[in-house]
Amino acid sequence: MLVVSIAYTKILHKILDEDVYAPPDFVAGHSLGEYTALITGNVLSFKDTLLLVQERGRLMQREVERVVGGMAAIIKMDREPLEEICAESGTEIANINSPGQIVISGSKEALSKAMDLAKSRGALRAIPLKVAGAFHSNLMDNATKELSDFIYSLPFQDASIPIVGNTSANILTKSRYITTLVINKFTK
């Protein structure tokens, strides 16, 4: 996905007239898309970002094999009652995709309980997602230290094109803040 995203960016730059194409004022991405933003913002080289994505994938796969987990989209339920359900079931809110769709994450057993509770308490639907693990949850915490060490070994630069942090909507240009964003995105 990263390579395709970068290829599209390069193709657009080549095919659009220079009068039409202008570098973006900001870049942002969701989940893996945030890595495309790192390259586009000149924070990391393409090669270093590929190494980062490879290490992220290796660590995520290790956690998937360690703990059987998953994710589910909860449709048409407010955040507050869903937070209560998460507390009861041992799941977590992973992503707020829109006001009508919140994704939760956790072990398979906890996720099943949370989906049943959500439906019984008024959610329109609870849809299990076809993912291999409990991503964006504390079940990924065991890999966070290793990924953090790896991230700190990479030569992050200040952004030449500001990055919009997708958990805070803050405009980031300093490498130390962007590094923290990348580490935090691994679990949240």
C-alpha atoms as a PDB file:
ATOM      1  CA  MET A   1       0.000   0.000   0.000  1.00  0.00           C
ATOM      2  CA  LEU A   2       2.826   2.396   0.813  1.00  0.00           C
ATOM      3  CA  VAL A   3       4.575   1.811  -2.510  1.00  0.00           C
ATOM      4  CA  VAL A   4       1.332   2.271  -4.465  1.00  0.00           C
ATOM      5  CA  SER A   5       0.523   5.488  -2.596  1.00  0.00           C
ATOM      6  CA  ILE A   6       3.954   6.930  -3.330  1.00  0.00           C
ATOM      7  CA  ALA A   7       3.718   5.801  -6.964  1.00  0.00           C
ATOM      8  CA  TYR A   8       0.401   7.646  -7.355  1.00  0.00           C
ATOM      9  CA  THR A   9       1.933  10.753  -5.844  1.00  0.00           C
ATOM     10  CA  LYS A  10       4.866  10.623  -8.269  1.00  0.00           C
ATOM     11  CA  ILE A  11       2.607   9.944 -11.264  1.00  0.00           C
ATOM     12  CA  LEU A  12       0.341  12.871 -10.435  1.00  0.00           C
ATOM     13  CA  HIS A  13       3.344  15.134 -10.159  1.00  0.00           C
ATOM     14  CA  LYS A  14       4.644  13.975 -13.552  1.00  0.00           C
ATOM     15  CA  ILE A  15       1.374  14.119 -15.509  1.00  0.00           C
ATOM     16  CA  LEU A  16       0.043  17.386 -14.164  1.00  0.00           C
ATOM     17  CA  ASP A  17       1.281  20.593 -15.683  1.00  0.00           C
ATOM     18  CA  GLU A  18       3.613  22.464 -13.335  1.00  0.00           C
ATOM     19  CA  ASP A  19       1.174  25.363 -13.405  1.00  0.00           C
ATOM     20  CA  VAL A  20      -1.541  23.025 -12.112  1.00  0.00           C
ATOM     21  CA  TYR A  21       0.470  20.962  -9.654  1.00  0.00           C
ATOM     22  CA  ALA A  22       1.577  22.629  -6.485  1.00  0.00           C
ATOM     23  CA  PRO A  23       3.088  20.893  -3.486  1.00  0.00           C
ATOM     24  CA  PRO A  24       0.469  20.345  -0.801  1.00  0.00           C
ATOM     25  CA  ASP A  25       0.198  22.780   2.094  1.00  0.00           C
ATOM     26  CA  PHE A  26      -0.229  19.840   4.494  1.00  0.00           C
ATOM     27  CA  VAL A  27      -0.152  16.050   4.373  1.00  0.00           C
ATOM     28  CA  ALA A  28      -1.991  13.492   6.471  1.00  0.00           C
ATOM     29  CA  GLY A  29      -2.760   9.813   6.425  1.00  0.00           C
ATOM     30  CA  HIS A  30      -4.751   7.253   8.357  1.00  0.00           C
ATOM     31  CA  SER A  31      -2.976   4.256   9.899  1.00  0.00           C
ATOM     32  CA  LEU A  32      -0.534   2.981   7.243  1.00  0.00           C
ATOM     33  CA  GLY A  33      -1.280   6.111   5.175  1.00  0.00           C
ATOM     34  CA  GLU A  34       0.551   8.158   7.749  1.00  0.00           C
ATOM     35  CA  TYR A  35       3.786   6.589   6.506  1.00  0.00           C
ATOM     36  CA  THR A  36       3.088   7.968   3.027  1.00  0.00           C
ATOM     37  CA  ALA A  37       2.777  11.377   4.681  1.00  0.00           C
ATOM     38  CA  LEU A  38       6.238  10.930   6.234  1.00  0.00           C
ATOM     39  CA  ILE A  39       7.775  10.469   2.801  1.00  0.00           C
ATOM     40  CA  THR A  40       5.744  13.240   1.179  1.00  0.00           C
ATOM     41  CA  GLY A  41       6.621  15.625   4.012  1.00  0.00           C
ATOM     42  CA  ASN A  42      10.326  14.721   3.617  1.00  0.00           C
ATOM     43  CA  VAL A  43      10.485  13.461   7.199  1.00  0.00           C
ATOM     44  CA  LEU A  44      11.889  10.048   6.247  1.00  0.00           C
ATOM     45  CA  SER A  45      13.402   8.702   3.057  1.00  0.00           C
ATOM     46  CA  PHE A  46      11.483   6.156   1.004  1.00  0.00           C
ATOM     47  CA  LYS A  47      14.019   3.466   1.980  1.00  0.00           C
ATOM     48  CA  ASP A  48      13.834   4.218   5.710  1.00  0.00           C
ATOM     49  CA  THR A  49      10.035   4.297   5.596  1.00  0.00           C
ATOM     50  CA  LEU A  50       9.979   0.905   3.864  1.00  0.00           C
ATOM     51  CA  LEU A  51      12.197  -0.460   6.645  1.00  0.00           C
ATOM     52  CA  LEU A  52       9.862   1.058   9.248  1.00  0.00           C
ATOM     53  CA  VAL A  53       6.761  -0.428   7.638  1.00  0.00           C
ATOM     54  CA  GLN A  54       8.492  -3.811   7.381  1.00  0.00           C
ATOM     55  CA  GLU A  55       9.411  -3.755  11.088  1.00  0.00           C
ATOM     56  CA  ARG A  56       5.918  -2.576  12.043  1.00  0.00           C
ATOM     57  CA  GLY A  57       4.429  -5.468  10.067  1.00  0.00           C
ATOM     58  CA  ARG A  58       6.789  -8.000  11.627  1.00  0.00           C
ATOM     59  CA  LEU A  59       5.937  -6.859  15.143  1.00  0.00           C
ATOM     60  CA  MET A  60       2.214  -6.731  14.447  1.00  0.00           C
ATOM     61  CA  GLN A  61       2.308 -10.258  13.016  1.00  0.00           C
ATOM     62  CA  ARG A  62       4.120 -11.492  16.103  1.00  0.00           C
ATOM     63  CA  GLU A  63       1.367 -10.040  18.314  1.00  0.00           C
ATOM     64  CA  VAL A  64      -1.357 -11.506  16.071  1.00  0.00           C
ATOM     65  CA  GLU A  65       0.184 -14.939  16.615  1.00  0.00           C
ATOM     66  CA  ARG A  66       0.471 -14.355  20.378  1.00  0.00           C
ATOM     67  CA  VAL A  67      -3.090 -13.154  21.069  1.00  0.00           C
ATOM     68  CA  VAL A  68      -6.173 -14.054  19.041  1.00  0.00           C
ATOM     69  CA  GLY A  69      -7.978 -10.763  18.600  1.00  0.00           C
ATOM     70  CA  GLY A  70      -9.942  -8.678  16.186  1.00  0.00           C
ATOM     71  CA  MET A  71     -11.875  -5.513  15.530  1.00  0.00           C
ATOM     72  CA  ALA A  72     -15.527  -4.633  14.954  1.00  0.00           C
ATOM     73  CA  ALA A  73     -17.386  -1.630  13.600  1.00  0.00           C
ATOM     74  CA  ILE A  74     -20.222  -0.477  15.826  1.00  0.00           C
ATOM     75  CA  ILE A  75     -22.848   1.382  13.814  1.00  0.00           C
ATOM     76  CA  LYS A  76     -25.074   4.132  15.231  1.00  0.00           C
ATOM     77  CA  MET A  77     -24.040   4.120  18.871  1.00  0.00           C
ATOM     78  CA  ASP A  78     -22.779   7.142  20.785  1.00  0.00           C
ATOM     79  CA  ARG A  79     -19.279   7.089  22.153  1.00  0.00           C
ATOM     80  CA  GLU A  80     -20.192   7.301  25.855  1.00  0.00           C
ATOM     81  CA  PRO A  81     -22.335   4.145  26.028  1.00  0.00           C
ATOM     82  CA  LEU A  82     -19.797   2.343  23.852  1.00  0.00           C
ATOM     83  CA  GLU A  83     -17.018   3.332  26.253  1.00  0.00           C
ATOM     84  CA  GLU A  84     -19.067   1.724  29.056  1.00  0.00           C
ATOM     85  CA  ILE A  85     -19.457  -1.436  26.985  1.00  0.00           C
ATOM     86  CA  CYS A  86     -15.718  -1.481  26.320  1.00  0.00           C
ATOM     87  CA  ALA A  87     -15.018  -1.194  30.054  1.00  0.00           C
ATOM     88  CA  GLU A  88     -17.417  -4.081  30.767  1.00  0.00           C
ATOM     89  CA  SER A  89     -16.100  -6.322  28.022  1.00  0.00           C
ATOM     90  CA  GLY A  90     -12.373  -5.613  28.087  1.00  0.00           C
ATOM     91  CA  THR A  91     -12.300  -4.062  24.616  1.00  0.00           C
ATOM     92  CA  GLU A  92     -11.156  -0.606  23.529  1.00  0.00           C
ATOM     93  CA  ILE A  93     -12.237   2.069  21.116  1.00  0.00           C
ATOM     94  CA  ALA A  94      -9.689   1.853  18.317  1.00  0.00           C
ATOM     95  CA  ASN A  95     -10.943   4.351  15.722  1.00  0.00           C
ATOM     96  CA  ILE A  96     -13.716   6.873  15.459  1.00  0.00           C
ATOM     97  CA  ASN A  97     -14.350   6.732  11.733  1.00  0.00           C
ATOM     98  CA  SER A  98     -17.408   8.983  11.721  1.00  0.00           C
ATOM     99  CA  PRO A  99     -20.168  10.029  14.117  1.00  0.00           C
ATOM    100  CA  GLY A 100     -22.075   6.899  13.097  1.00  0.00           C
ATOM    101  CA  GLN A 101     -19.219   4.382  13.061  1.00  0.00           C
ATOM    102  CA  ILE A 102     -16.816   3.566  15.877  1.00  0.00           C
ATOM    103  CA  VAL A 103     -14.368   0.678  15.654  1.00  0.00           C
ATOM    104  CA  ILE A 104     -13.527  -1.359  18.748  1.00  0.00           C
ATOM    105  CA  SER A 105     -10.653  -3.775  19.260  1.00  0.00           C
ATOM    106  CA  GLY A 106      -9.821  -6.606  21.646  1.00  0.00           C
ATOM    107  CA  SER A 107      -9.498 -10.333  22.162  1.00  0.00           C
ATOM    108  CA  LYS A 108     -11.982 -12.487  20.245  1.00  0.00           C
ATOM    109  CA  GLU A 109     -13.919 -13.351  23.413  1.00  0.00           C
ATOM    110  CA  ALA A 110     -14.081  -9.754  24.624  1.00  0.00           C
ATOM    111  CA  LEU A 111     -15.048  -8.542  21.154  1.00  0.00           C
ATOM    112  CA  SER A 112     -17.902 -11.033  20.938  1.00  0.00           C
ATOM    113  CA  LYS A 113     -19.219  -9.884  24.318  1.00  0.00           C
ATOM    114  CA  ALA A 114     -18.912  -6.206  23.340  1.00  0.00           C
ATOM    115  CA  MET A 115     -20.757  -6.733  20.046  1.00  0.00           C
ATOM    116  CA  ASP A 116     -23.606  -8.534  21.841  1.00  0.00           C
ATOM    117  CA  LEU A 117     -23.819  -5.768  24.451  1.00  0.00           C
ATOM    118  CA  ALA A 118     -23.762  -3.048  21.786  1.00  0.00           C
ATOM    119  CA  LYS A 119     -26.623  -4.652  19.852  1.00  0.00           C
ATOM    120  CA  SER A 120     -28.650  -5.200  23.026  1.00  0.00           C
ATOM    121  CA  ARG A 121     -28.158  -1.539  23.985  1.00  0.00           C
ATOM    122  CA  GLY A 122     -29.276   0.007  20.740  1.00  0.00           C
ATOM    123  CA  ALA A 123     -26.466  -0.155  18.204  1.00  0.00           C
ATOM    124  CA  LEU A 124     -27.874  -0.507  14.708  1.00  0.00           C
ATOM    125  CA  ARG A 125     -25.226  -3.077  13.803  1.00  0.00           C
ATOM    126  CA  ALA A 126     -22.025  -4.652  15.113  1.00  0.00           C
ATOM    127  CA  ILE A 127     -19.883  -5.853  12.238  1.00  0.00           C
ATOM    128  CA  PRO A 128     -16.760  -7.962  12.790  1.00  0.00           C
ATOM    129  CA  LEU A 129     -13.954  -6.666  10.578  1.00  0.00           C
ATOM    130  CA  LYS A 130     -11.843  -8.983   8.459  1.00  0.00           C
ATOM    131  CA  VAL A 131      -8.547  -8.210  10.166  1.00  0.00           C
ATOM    132  CA  ALA A 132      -5.967 -10.523  11.686  1.00  0.00           C
ATOM    133  CA  GLY A 133      -5.624  -8.888  15.081  1.00  0.00           C
ATOM    134  CA  ALA A 134      -6.648  -6.388  17.719  1.00  0.00           C
ATOM    135  CA  PHE A 135      -4.908  -3.455  16.087  1.00  0.00           C
ATOM    136  CA  HIS A 136      -4.884   0.015  17.654  1.00  0.00           C
ATOM    137  CA  SER A 137      -5.322  -1.556  21.097  1.00  0.00           C
ATOM    138  CA  ASN A 138      -3.265  -2.341  24.158  1.00  0.00           C
ATOM    139  CA  LEU A 139      -2.895  -5.906  22.872  1.00  0.00           C
ATOM    140  CA  MET A 140      -0.153  -4.462  20.651  1.00  0.00           C
ATOM    141  CA  ASP A 141       1.728  -3.033  23.672  1.00  0.00           C
ATOM    142  CA  ASN A 142       4.330  -5.825  23.812  1.00  0.00           C
ATOM    143  CA  ALA A 143       5.690  -4.706  20.464  1.00  0.00           C
ATOM    144  CA  THR A 144       5.651  -0.985  21.229  1.00  0.00           C
ATOM    145  CA  LYS A 145       9.034  -0.879  23.001  1.00  0.00           C
ATOM    146  CA  GLU A 146      10.773  -2.655  20.147  1.00  0.00           C
ATOM    147  CA  LEU A 147       9.127  -0.460  17.546  1.00  0.00           C
ATOM    148  CA  SER A 148       9.979   2.648  19.587  1.00  0.00           C
ATOM    149  CA  ASP A 149      13.648   1.654  19.665  1.00  0.00           C
ATOM    150  CA  PHE A 150      13.580   1.053  15.920  1.00  0.00           C
ATOM    151  CA  ILE A 151      11.869   4.388  15.243  1.00  0.00           C
ATOM    152  CA  TYR A 152      14.435   6.249  17.337  1.00  0.00           C
ATOM    153  CA  SER A 153      17.200   4.658  15.254  1.00  0.00           C
ATOM    154  CA  LEU A 154      15.838   6.265  12.067  1.00  0.00           C
ATOM    155  CA  PRO A 155      16.975   9.696  10.830  1.00  0.00           C
ATOM    156  CA  PHE A 156      13.727  11.676  11.179  1.00  0.00           C
ATOM    157  CA  GLN A 157      13.940  15.211   9.755  1.00  0.00           C
ATOM    158  CA  ASP A 158      11.776  18.240  10.366  1.00  0.00           C
ATOM    159  CA  ALA A 159       8.911  18.229   7.868  1.00  0.00           C
ATOM    160  CA  SER A 160       9.272  20.418   4.786  1.00  0.00           C
ATOM    161  CA  ILE A 161       5.523  19.953   4.298  1.00  0.00           C
ATOM    162  CA  PRO A 162       3.640  20.011   7.631  1.00  0.00           C
ATOM    163  CA  ILE A 163       1.950  16.811   8.751  1.00  0.00           C
ATOM    164  CA  VAL A 164      -1.503  16.827  10.306  1.00  0.00           C
ATOM    165  CA  GLY A 165      -1.536  14.396  13.213  1.00  0.00           C
ATOM    166  CA  ASN A 166      -4.559  12.165  12.760  1.00  0.00           C
ATOM    167  CA  THR A 167      -5.247  11.676  16.465  1.00  0.00           C
ATOM    168  CA  SER A 168      -4.930  15.328  17.439  1.00  0.00           C
ATOM    169  CA  ALA A 169      -5.298  17.315  14.178  1.00  0.00           C
ATOM    170  CA  ASN A 170      -2.220  19.262  15.310  1.00  0.00           C
ATOM    171  CA  ILE A 171       0.054  20.623  12.615  1.00  0.00           C
ATOM    172  CA  LEU A 172       3.462  18.990  13.089  1.00  0.00           C
ATOM    173  CA  THR A 173       6.757  20.097  11.618  1.00  0.00           C
ATOM    174  CA  LYS A 174       9.374  19.208  14.254  1.00  0.00           C
ATOM    175  CA  SER A 175      10.841  15.725  13.974  1.00  0.00           C
ATOM    176  CA  ARG A 176      10.641  15.052  17.730  1.00  0.00           C
ATOM    177  CA  TYR A 177       6.846  15.499  17.683  1.00  0.00           C
ATOM    178  CA  ILE A 178       6.436  13.494  14.507  1.00  0.00           C
ATOM    179  CA  THR A 179       8.524  10.649  15.977  1.00  0.00           C
ATOM    180  CA  THR A 180       6.211  10.563  19.003  1.00  0.00           C
ATOM    181  CA  LEU A 181       3.171  10.556  16.713  1.00  0.00           C
ATOM    182  CA  VAL A 182       4.503   7.531  14.813  1.00  0.00           C
ATOM    183  CA  ILE A 183       5.183   5.633  18.044  1.00  0.00           C
ATOM    184  CA  ASN A 184       1.757   6.438  19.484  1.00  0.00           C
ATOM    185  CA  LYS A 185      -0.014   5.420  16.273  1.00  0.00           C
ATOM    186  CA  PHE A 186       1.304   1.888  16.645  1.00  0.00           C
ATOM    187  CA  THR A 187      -1.053   1.233  19.544  1.00  0.00           C
ATOM    188  CA  LYS A 188      -3.698   3.960  19.324  1.00  0.00           C
END
